[in-house]
């Protein structure tokens, strides 16, 4: 599948179309599962993560472990960009993406589906999961930083 085909499938409009961002936000935020949220969120980035990290890992690892590693790699790539801009070490986004990946796996395992709720409720649930994962990652990051500062 080409990038253009992938974006068309995820956004419902061709790559570069004017409604692409609106469709991505509406579909991802209004997704009925947290896993489905990630199927619609940032399809260009998702295409490359799937093609170059998830699929190769899935050829020799279980899909759930491949997914977690893909989320961690994605978070680390985001952290690298932040570290290059700030010239300061940080793994906050790596931790955040780890927790979001775990939520995808747990949601699928528990068969959590909120697709019957109105769009605004589904949006609130997805934002709550994302925010909750960030709060947990941020708190963990503070603990890790405290340990490193005290032990230095």
N, C-alpha and C. Protein backbone atom coordinates (compact mmCIF):
# COMPACT_ATOMS: atom_id res chain seq x y z
N UNK A 1 0.85 -1.18 0.00
CA UNK A 1 0.00 0.00 0.00
C UNK A 1 0.90 1.24 0.00
N UNK A 2 0.61 2.17 -0.86
CA UNK A 2 1.39 3.41 -0.92
C UNK A 2 0.94 4.37 0.18
N UNK A 3 1.76 5.38 0.43
CA UNK A 3 1.41 6.41 1.41
C UNK A 3 0.10 7.09 1.01
N UNK A 4 -0.07 7.40 -0.25
CA UNK A 4 -1.30 8.06 -0.72
C UNK A 4 -2.53 7.19 -0.47
N UNK A 5 -2.41 5.90 -0.74
CA UNK A 5 -3.52 4.97 -0.48
C UNK A 5 -3.83 4.90 1.00
N UNK A 6 -2.79 4.86 1.81
CA UNK A 6 -2.94 4.76 3.26
C UNK A 6 -3.67 6.00 3.81
N UNK A 7 -3.23 7.18 3.40
CA UNK A 7 -3.84 8.43 3.85
C UNK A 7 -5.29 8.50 3.39
N UNK A 8 -5.56 8.12 2.15
CA UNK A 8 -6.93 8.11 1.62
C UNK A 8 -7.82 7.21 2.48
N UNK A 9 -7.31 6.04 2.85
CA UNK A 9 -8.08 5.09 3.65
C UNK A 9 -8.34 5.64 5.05
N UNK A 10 -7.35 6.27 5.65
CA UNK A 10 -7.48 6.77 7.02
C UNK A 10 -8.29 8.06 7.11
N UNK A 11 -8.07 8.98 6.17
CA UNK A 11 -8.72 10.29 6.24
C UNK A 11 -9.97 10.41 5.39
N UNK A 12 -10.14 9.51 4.44
CA UNK A 12 -11.29 9.60 3.55
C UNK A 12 -11.13 10.64 2.46
N UNK A 13 -9.97 11.28 2.42
CA UNK A 13 -9.66 12.26 1.37
C UNK A 13 -8.22 12.03 0.92
N UNK A 14 -7.88 12.44 -0.29
CA UNK A 14 -6.51 12.23 -0.79
C UNK A 14 -5.46 12.98 0.02
N UNK A 15 -4.25 12.50 -0.06
CA UNK A 15 -3.10 13.14 0.57
C UNK A 15 -3.02 14.60 0.13
N UNK A 16 -2.93 15.51 1.07
CA UNK A 16 -2.82 16.94 0.77
C UNK A 16 -4.14 17.66 0.57
N UNK A 17 -5.25 16.95 0.68
CA UNK A 17 -6.57 17.58 0.49
C UNK A 17 -6.84 18.58 1.62
N UNK A 18 -7.63 19.57 1.32
CA UNK A 18 -7.93 20.62 2.29
C UNK A 18 -8.64 20.13 3.54
N UNK A 19 -9.44 19.09 3.41
CA UNK A 19 -10.18 18.57 4.57
C UNK A 19 -9.41 17.51 5.35
N UNK A 20 -8.18 17.28 5.00
CA UNK A 20 -7.40 16.20 5.61
C UNK A 20 -7.26 16.36 7.12
N UNK A 21 -6.85 17.52 7.59
CA UNK A 21 -6.66 17.75 9.02
C UNK A 21 -7.98 17.63 9.77
N UNK A 22 -9.03 18.24 9.23
CA UNK A 22 -10.35 18.17 9.87
C UNK A 22 -10.81 16.72 9.98
N UNK A 23 -10.65 15.96 8.91
CA UNK A 23 -11.07 14.56 8.92
C UNK A 23 -10.25 13.75 9.92
N UNK A 24 -8.94 13.99 9.96
CA UNK A 24 -8.09 13.26 10.89
C UNK A 24 -8.52 13.53 12.33
N UNK A 25 -8.71 14.79 12.66
CA UNK A 25 -9.12 15.13 14.03
C UNK A 25 -10.48 14.56 14.38
N UNK A 26 -11.43 14.69 13.47
CA UNK A 26 -12.78 14.20 13.73
C UNK A 26 -12.80 12.68 13.88
N UNK A 27 -12.11 11.99 12.99
CA UNK A 27 -12.11 10.52 13.05
C UNK A 27 -11.32 10.00 14.24
N UNK A 28 -10.16 10.57 14.51
CA UNK A 28 -9.35 10.05 15.61
C UNK A 28 -9.98 10.38 16.95
N UNK A 29 -10.33 11.62 17.18
CA UNK A 29 -10.90 11.99 18.48
C UNK A 29 -12.23 11.29 18.72
N UNK A 30 -13.01 11.09 17.67
CA UNK A 30 -14.31 10.44 17.82
C UNK A 30 -14.27 8.92 17.69
N UNK A 31 -13.08 8.35 17.71
CA UNK A 31 -12.95 6.90 17.58
C UNK A 31 -13.62 6.19 18.75
N UNK A 32 -14.15 5.01 18.47
CA UNK A 32 -14.87 4.24 19.48
C UNK A 32 -14.01 3.33 20.33
N UNK A 33 -12.71 3.25 20.02
CA UNK A 33 -11.75 2.52 20.84
C UNK A 33 -10.45 3.32 20.81
N UNK A 34 -9.59 3.08 21.81
CA UNK A 34 -8.33 3.81 21.82
C UNK A 34 -7.41 3.30 20.71
N UNK A 35 -7.53 2.04 20.37
CA UNK A 35 -6.78 1.48 19.25
C UNK A 35 -7.19 2.16 17.95
N UNK A 36 -8.48 2.36 17.77
CA UNK A 36 -8.99 3.02 16.57
C UNK A 36 -8.53 4.48 16.51
N UNK A 37 -8.42 5.13 17.66
CA UNK A 37 -7.89 6.49 17.70
C UNK A 37 -6.56 6.54 16.94
N UNK A 38 -5.67 5.57 17.25
CA UNK A 38 -4.34 5.57 16.65
C UNK A 38 -4.35 5.18 15.19
N UNK A 39 -5.39 4.52 14.74
CA UNK A 39 -5.48 4.19 13.31
C UNK A 39 -5.73 5.45 12.49
N UNK A 40 -6.36 6.44 13.09
CA UNK A 40 -6.68 7.67 12.36
C UNK A 40 -5.71 8.81 12.64
N UNK A 41 -5.04 8.78 13.80
CA UNK A 41 -4.18 9.89 14.18
C UNK A 41 -2.94 9.94 13.31
N UNK A 42 -2.63 11.08 12.76
CA UNK A 42 -1.43 11.35 11.98
C UNK A 42 -1.08 10.20 11.02
N UNK A 43 -1.87 10.04 9.97
CA UNK A 43 -1.68 8.89 9.08
C UNK A 43 -0.33 8.85 8.37
N UNK A 44 0.28 9.97 8.12
CA UNK A 44 1.58 9.95 7.45
C UNK A 44 2.63 9.35 8.39
N UNK A 45 2.67 9.83 9.61
CA UNK A 45 3.59 9.30 10.62
C UNK A 45 3.28 7.83 10.89
N UNK A 46 1.99 7.50 11.00
CA UNK A 46 1.56 6.13 11.24
C UNK A 46 1.99 5.18 10.13
N UNK A 47 1.94 5.66 8.90
CA UNK A 47 2.35 4.85 7.77
C UNK A 47 3.82 4.43 7.91
N UNK A 48 4.67 5.40 8.20
CA UNK A 48 6.10 5.11 8.30
C UNK A 48 6.44 4.28 9.54
N UNK A 49 5.77 4.55 10.66
CA UNK A 49 5.99 3.72 11.85
C UNK A 49 5.57 2.28 11.58
N UNK A 50 4.44 2.12 10.92
CA UNK A 50 3.96 0.78 10.59
C UNK A 50 4.88 0.06 9.62
N UNK A 51 5.30 0.78 8.61
CA UNK A 51 6.11 0.19 7.54
C UNK A 51 7.53 -0.16 8.01
N UNK A 52 8.14 0.71 8.81
CA UNK A 52 9.56 0.54 9.12
C UNK A 52 9.86 0.09 10.54
N UNK A 53 8.86 0.07 11.42
CA UNK A 53 9.10 -0.41 12.78
C UNK A 53 8.17 -1.57 13.11
N UNK A 54 6.85 -1.33 13.07
CA UNK A 54 5.89 -2.35 13.50
C UNK A 54 5.94 -3.63 12.65
N UNK A 55 5.81 -3.49 11.34
CA UNK A 55 5.77 -4.68 10.47
C UNK A 55 7.05 -5.51 10.56
N UNK A 56 8.23 -4.90 10.50
CA UNK A 56 9.44 -5.72 10.64
C UNK A 56 9.51 -6.43 12.01
N UNK A 57 9.14 -5.74 13.08
CA UNK A 57 9.16 -6.37 14.40
C UNK A 57 8.15 -7.51 14.48
N UNK A 58 6.98 -7.29 13.89
CA UNK A 58 5.90 -8.28 13.95
C UNK A 58 6.27 -9.58 13.21
N UNK A 59 7.26 -9.52 12.36
CA UNK A 59 7.66 -10.73 11.64
C UNK A 59 8.36 -11.74 12.55
N UNK A 60 8.86 -11.27 13.73
CA UNK A 60 9.51 -12.22 14.63
C UNK A 60 9.13 -12.04 16.10
N UNK A 61 8.28 -11.06 16.39
CA UNK A 61 7.79 -10.85 17.76
C UNK A 61 6.27 -10.88 17.78
N UNK A 62 5.68 -11.14 18.93
CA UNK A 62 4.21 -11.04 19.02
C UNK A 62 3.74 -9.63 18.67
N UNK A 63 2.55 -9.52 18.11
CA UNK A 63 2.02 -8.22 17.67
C UNK A 63 1.94 -7.23 18.82
N UNK A 64 1.53 -7.68 20.01
CA UNK A 64 1.40 -6.75 21.13
C UNK A 64 2.75 -6.18 21.55
N UNK A 65 3.78 -7.02 21.58
CA UNK A 65 5.12 -6.53 21.92
C UNK A 65 5.64 -5.61 20.82
N UNK A 66 5.38 -5.95 19.57
CA UNK A 66 5.78 -5.10 18.45
C UNK A 66 5.11 -3.73 18.55
N UNK A 67 3.85 -3.71 18.96
CA UNK A 67 3.12 -2.46 19.10
C UNK A 67 3.72 -1.60 20.21
N UNK A 68 4.03 -2.22 21.35
CA UNK A 68 4.63 -1.49 22.47
C UNK A 68 5.98 -0.90 22.05
N UNK A 69 6.80 -1.70 21.41
CA UNK A 69 8.11 -1.21 20.95
C UNK A 69 7.94 -0.07 19.95
N UNK A 70 6.95 -0.17 19.08
CA UNK A 70 6.69 0.90 18.11
C UNK A 70 6.29 2.19 18.82
N UNK A 71 5.42 2.08 19.82
CA UNK A 71 5.03 3.26 20.58
C UNK A 71 6.23 3.87 21.31
N UNK A 72 7.06 3.03 21.92
CA UNK A 72 8.25 3.52 22.62
C UNK A 72 9.20 4.20 21.63
N UNK A 73 9.40 3.59 20.47
CA UNK A 73 10.27 4.20 19.45
C UNK A 73 9.71 5.54 19.00
N UNK A 74 8.40 5.61 18.82
CA UNK A 74 7.77 6.86 18.41
C UNK A 74 7.99 7.94 19.47
N UNK A 75 7.78 7.58 20.73
CA UNK A 75 8.01 8.54 21.81
C UNK A 75 9.46 8.98 21.87
N UNK A 76 10.38 8.03 21.65
CA UNK A 76 11.80 8.36 21.68
C UNK A 76 12.17 9.30 20.54
N UNK A 77 11.61 9.08 19.37
CA UNK A 77 11.87 9.99 18.25
C UNK A 77 11.37 11.39 18.59
N UNK A 78 10.20 11.48 19.20
CA UNK A 78 9.70 12.79 19.65
C UNK A 78 10.65 13.40 20.69
N UNK A 79 11.12 12.57 21.64
CA UNK A 79 12.06 13.06 22.66
C UNK A 79 13.36 13.53 22.03
N UNK A 80 13.85 12.80 21.02
CA UNK A 80 15.08 13.24 20.34
C UNK A 80 14.92 14.63 19.75
N UNK A 81 13.76 14.87 19.13
CA UNK A 81 13.51 16.20 18.55
C UNK A 81 13.53 17.27 19.65
N UNK A 82 12.90 16.98 20.77
CA UNK A 82 12.87 17.94 21.89
C UNK A 82 14.28 18.14 22.44
N UNK A 83 15.03 17.04 22.59
CA UNK A 83 16.39 17.15 23.13
C UNK A 83 17.28 17.98 22.21
N UNK A 84 17.11 17.81 20.90
CA UNK A 84 17.91 18.60 19.96
C UNK A 84 17.56 20.08 20.04
N UNK A 85 16.28 20.37 20.25
CA UNK A 85 15.86 21.78 20.35
C UNK A 85 16.26 22.42 21.68
N UNK A 86 16.15 21.66 22.77
CA UNK A 86 16.41 22.22 24.10
C UNK A 86 17.82 21.94 24.61
N UNK A 87 18.53 21.04 23.98
CA UNK A 87 19.84 20.59 24.45
C UNK A 87 19.76 20.14 25.90
N UNK A 88 18.71 19.35 26.19
CA UNK A 88 18.50 18.84 27.54
C UNK A 88 17.94 17.43 27.43
N UNK A 89 18.49 16.50 28.20
CA UNK A 89 18.05 15.11 28.15
C UNK A 89 16.65 14.96 28.73
N UNK A 90 15.81 14.20 28.04
CA UNK A 90 14.45 13.94 28.51
C UNK A 90 13.91 12.68 27.85
N UNK A 91 13.21 11.88 28.65
CA UNK A 91 12.51 10.71 28.11
C UNK A 91 11.03 10.76 28.47
N UNK A 92 10.51 11.94 28.73
CA UNK A 92 9.12 12.09 29.10
C UNK A 92 8.19 11.55 28.01
N UNK A 93 8.44 11.90 26.77
CA UNK A 93 7.54 11.48 25.69
C UNK A 93 7.66 9.98 25.42
N UNK A 94 8.86 9.43 25.64
CA UNK A 94 9.03 7.98 25.50
C UNK A 94 8.13 7.26 26.51
N UNK A 95 8.15 7.74 27.75
CA UNK A 95 7.31 7.15 28.79
C UNK A 95 5.83 7.35 28.47
N UNK A 96 5.48 8.53 28.00
CA UNK A 96 4.08 8.83 27.66
C UNK A 96 3.57 7.87 26.59
N UNK A 97 4.36 7.69 25.55
CA UNK A 97 3.95 6.79 24.47
C UNK A 97 3.92 5.34 24.93
N UNK A 98 4.81 4.97 25.85
CA UNK A 98 4.76 3.62 26.42
C UNK A 98 3.40 3.38 27.07
N UNK A 99 2.96 4.32 27.90
CA UNK A 99 1.68 4.17 28.58
C UNK A 99 0.50 4.18 27.60
N UNK A 100 0.58 5.00 26.56
CA UNK A 100 -0.49 4.99 25.57
C UNK A 100 -0.52 3.66 24.82
N UNK A 101 0.65 3.11 24.51
CA UNK A 101 0.71 1.79 23.87
C UNK A 101 0.12 0.71 24.77
N UNK A 102 0.42 0.80 26.06
CA UNK A 102 -0.15 -0.16 27.01
C UNK A 102 -1.67 -0.02 27.08
N UNK A 103 -2.17 1.20 26.99
CA UNK A 103 -3.63 1.42 26.97
C UNK A 103 -4.27 0.81 25.72
N UNK A 104 -3.58 0.90 24.60
CA UNK A 104 -4.10 0.26 23.37
C UNK A 104 -4.21 -1.24 23.60
N UNK A 105 -3.15 -1.84 24.11
CA UNK A 105 -3.13 -3.30 24.33
C UNK A 105 -4.19 -3.70 25.35
N UNK A 106 -4.27 -2.98 26.47
CA UNK A 106 -5.25 -3.32 27.51
C UNK A 106 -6.67 -3.12 27.01
N UNK A 107 -6.90 -2.06 26.23
CA UNK A 107 -8.23 -1.80 25.67
C UNK A 107 -8.67 -2.91 24.73
N UNK A 108 -7.74 -3.39 23.92
CA UNK A 108 -8.06 -4.49 23.01
C UNK A 108 -8.29 -5.78 23.79
N UNK A 109 -7.44 -6.04 24.78
CA UNK A 109 -7.56 -7.26 25.59
C UNK A 109 -8.89 -7.28 26.35
N UNK A 110 -9.27 -6.13 26.91
CA UNK A 110 -10.51 -6.04 27.69
C UNK A 110 -11.73 -5.78 26.79
N UNK A 111 -11.48 -5.63 25.50
CA UNK A 111 -12.56 -5.38 24.53
C UNK A 111 -13.37 -4.13 24.89
N UNK A 112 -12.66 -3.07 25.25
CA UNK A 112 -13.31 -1.80 25.61
C UNK A 112 -13.73 -1.08 24.34
N UNK A 113 -15.02 -0.82 24.23
CA UNK A 113 -15.57 -0.19 23.04
C UNK A 113 -16.64 0.82 23.46
N UNK A 114 -16.44 2.06 23.07
CA UNK A 114 -17.38 3.13 23.41
C UNK A 114 -17.97 3.75 22.16
N UNK A 115 -18.03 2.97 21.08
CA UNK A 115 -18.50 3.48 19.79
C UNK A 115 -19.98 3.83 19.79
N UNK A 116 -20.74 3.32 20.73
CA UNK A 116 -22.18 3.61 20.76
C UNK A 116 -22.49 4.97 21.41
N UNK A 117 -21.48 5.56 22.03
CA UNK A 117 -21.68 6.87 22.66
C UNK A 117 -21.63 7.97 21.60
N UNK A 118 -22.19 9.13 21.89
CA UNK A 118 -22.09 10.26 20.95
C UNK A 118 -20.63 10.68 20.73
N UNK A 119 -20.38 11.34 19.61
CA UNK A 119 -19.02 11.76 19.24
C UNK A 119 -18.34 12.53 20.37
N UNK A 120 -19.04 13.44 21.00
CA UNK A 120 -18.43 14.28 22.05
C UNK A 120 -17.99 13.44 23.25
N UNK A 121 -18.74 12.39 23.58
CA UNK A 121 -18.37 11.51 24.70
C UNK A 121 -17.15 10.67 24.31
N UNK A 122 -17.13 10.16 23.08
CA UNK A 122 -15.97 9.39 22.61
C UNK A 122 -14.73 10.27 22.60
N UNK A 123 -14.90 11.52 22.19
CA UNK A 123 -13.78 12.47 22.19
C UNK A 123 -13.27 12.69 23.61
N UNK A 124 -14.18 12.89 24.54
CA UNK A 124 -13.79 13.11 25.93
C UNK A 124 -13.04 11.90 26.49
N UNK A 125 -13.51 10.71 26.16
CA UNK A 125 -12.84 9.49 26.64
C UNK A 125 -11.43 9.40 26.07
N UNK A 126 -11.29 9.62 24.77
CA UNK A 126 -9.96 9.54 24.15
C UNK A 126 -9.01 10.59 24.72
N UNK A 127 -9.49 11.80 24.91
CA UNK A 127 -8.65 12.86 25.50
C UNK A 127 -8.30 12.52 26.94
N UNK A 128 -9.23 11.93 27.66
CA UNK A 128 -8.98 11.53 29.05
C UNK A 128 -7.89 10.45 29.11
N UNK A 129 -7.94 9.48 28.23
CA UNK A 129 -6.92 8.42 28.21
C UNK A 129 -5.55 9.03 27.89
N UNK A 130 -5.50 9.87 26.87
CA UNK A 130 -4.24 10.51 26.48
C UNK A 130 -3.70 11.36 27.63
N UNK A 131 -4.57 12.15 28.24
CA UNK A 131 -4.16 13.02 29.34
C UNK A 131 -3.73 12.21 30.56
N UNK A 132 -4.48 11.15 30.85
CA UNK A 132 -4.12 10.29 31.98
C UNK A 132 -2.75 9.67 31.80
N UNK A 133 -2.47 9.21 30.60
CA UNK A 133 -1.16 8.64 30.31
C UNK A 133 -0.06 9.68 30.48
N UNK A 134 -0.35 10.92 30.08
CA UNK A 134 0.65 11.98 30.24
C UNK A 134 0.90 12.27 31.71
N UNK A 135 -0.15 12.34 32.50
CA UNK A 135 0.00 12.62 33.94
C UNK A 135 0.85 11.52 34.59
N UNK A 136 0.57 10.27 34.27
CA UNK A 136 1.34 9.16 34.83
C UNK A 136 2.80 9.25 34.40
N UNK A 137 3.03 9.49 33.11
CA UNK A 137 4.40 9.60 32.60
C UNK A 137 5.13 10.78 33.23
N UNK A 138 4.46 11.89 33.39
CA UNK A 138 5.07 13.07 33.99
C UNK A 138 5.45 12.81 35.45
N UNK A 139 4.57 12.14 36.19
CA UNK A 139 4.87 11.82 37.59
C UNK A 139 6.04 10.84 37.67
N UNK A 140 6.04 9.84 36.81
CA UNK A 140 7.15 8.88 36.78
C UNK A 140 8.44 9.58 36.41
N UNK A 141 8.39 10.48 35.46
CA UNK A 141 9.57 11.23 35.04
C UNK A 141 10.14 12.03 36.20
N UNK A 142 9.27 12.64 37.00
CA UNK A 142 9.73 13.41 38.17
C UNK A 142 10.43 12.50 39.17
N UNK A 143 9.88 11.31 39.39
CA UNK A 143 10.49 10.35 40.31
C UNK A 143 11.87 9.92 39.80
N UNK A 144 11.94 9.59 38.52
CA UNK A 144 13.21 9.16 37.92
C UNK A 144 14.24 10.28 38.00
N UNK A 145 13.84 11.50 37.70
CA UNK A 145 14.77 12.63 37.77
C UNK A 145 15.25 12.87 39.21
N UNK A 146 14.33 12.72 40.17
CA UNK A 146 14.69 12.89 41.58
C UNK A 146 15.72 11.84 41.99
N UNK A 147 15.52 10.61 41.54
CA UNK A 147 16.46 9.53 41.88
C UNK A 147 17.84 9.83 41.29
N UNK A 148 17.88 10.28 40.03
CA UNK A 148 19.16 10.58 39.40
C UNK A 148 19.84 11.79 40.04
N UNK A 149 19.08 12.79 40.44
CA UNK A 149 19.66 13.99 41.07
C UNK A 149 20.20 13.63 42.45
N UNK A 150 19.45 12.84 43.22
CA UNK A 150 19.89 12.44 44.56
C UNK A 150 21.10 11.54 44.50
N UNK A 151 21.13 10.63 43.50
CA UNK A 151 22.26 9.70 43.42
C UNK A 151 23.51 10.32 42.81
N UNK A 152 23.39 11.51 42.23
CA UNK A 152 24.56 12.15 41.59
C UNK A 152 25.46 12.83 42.59
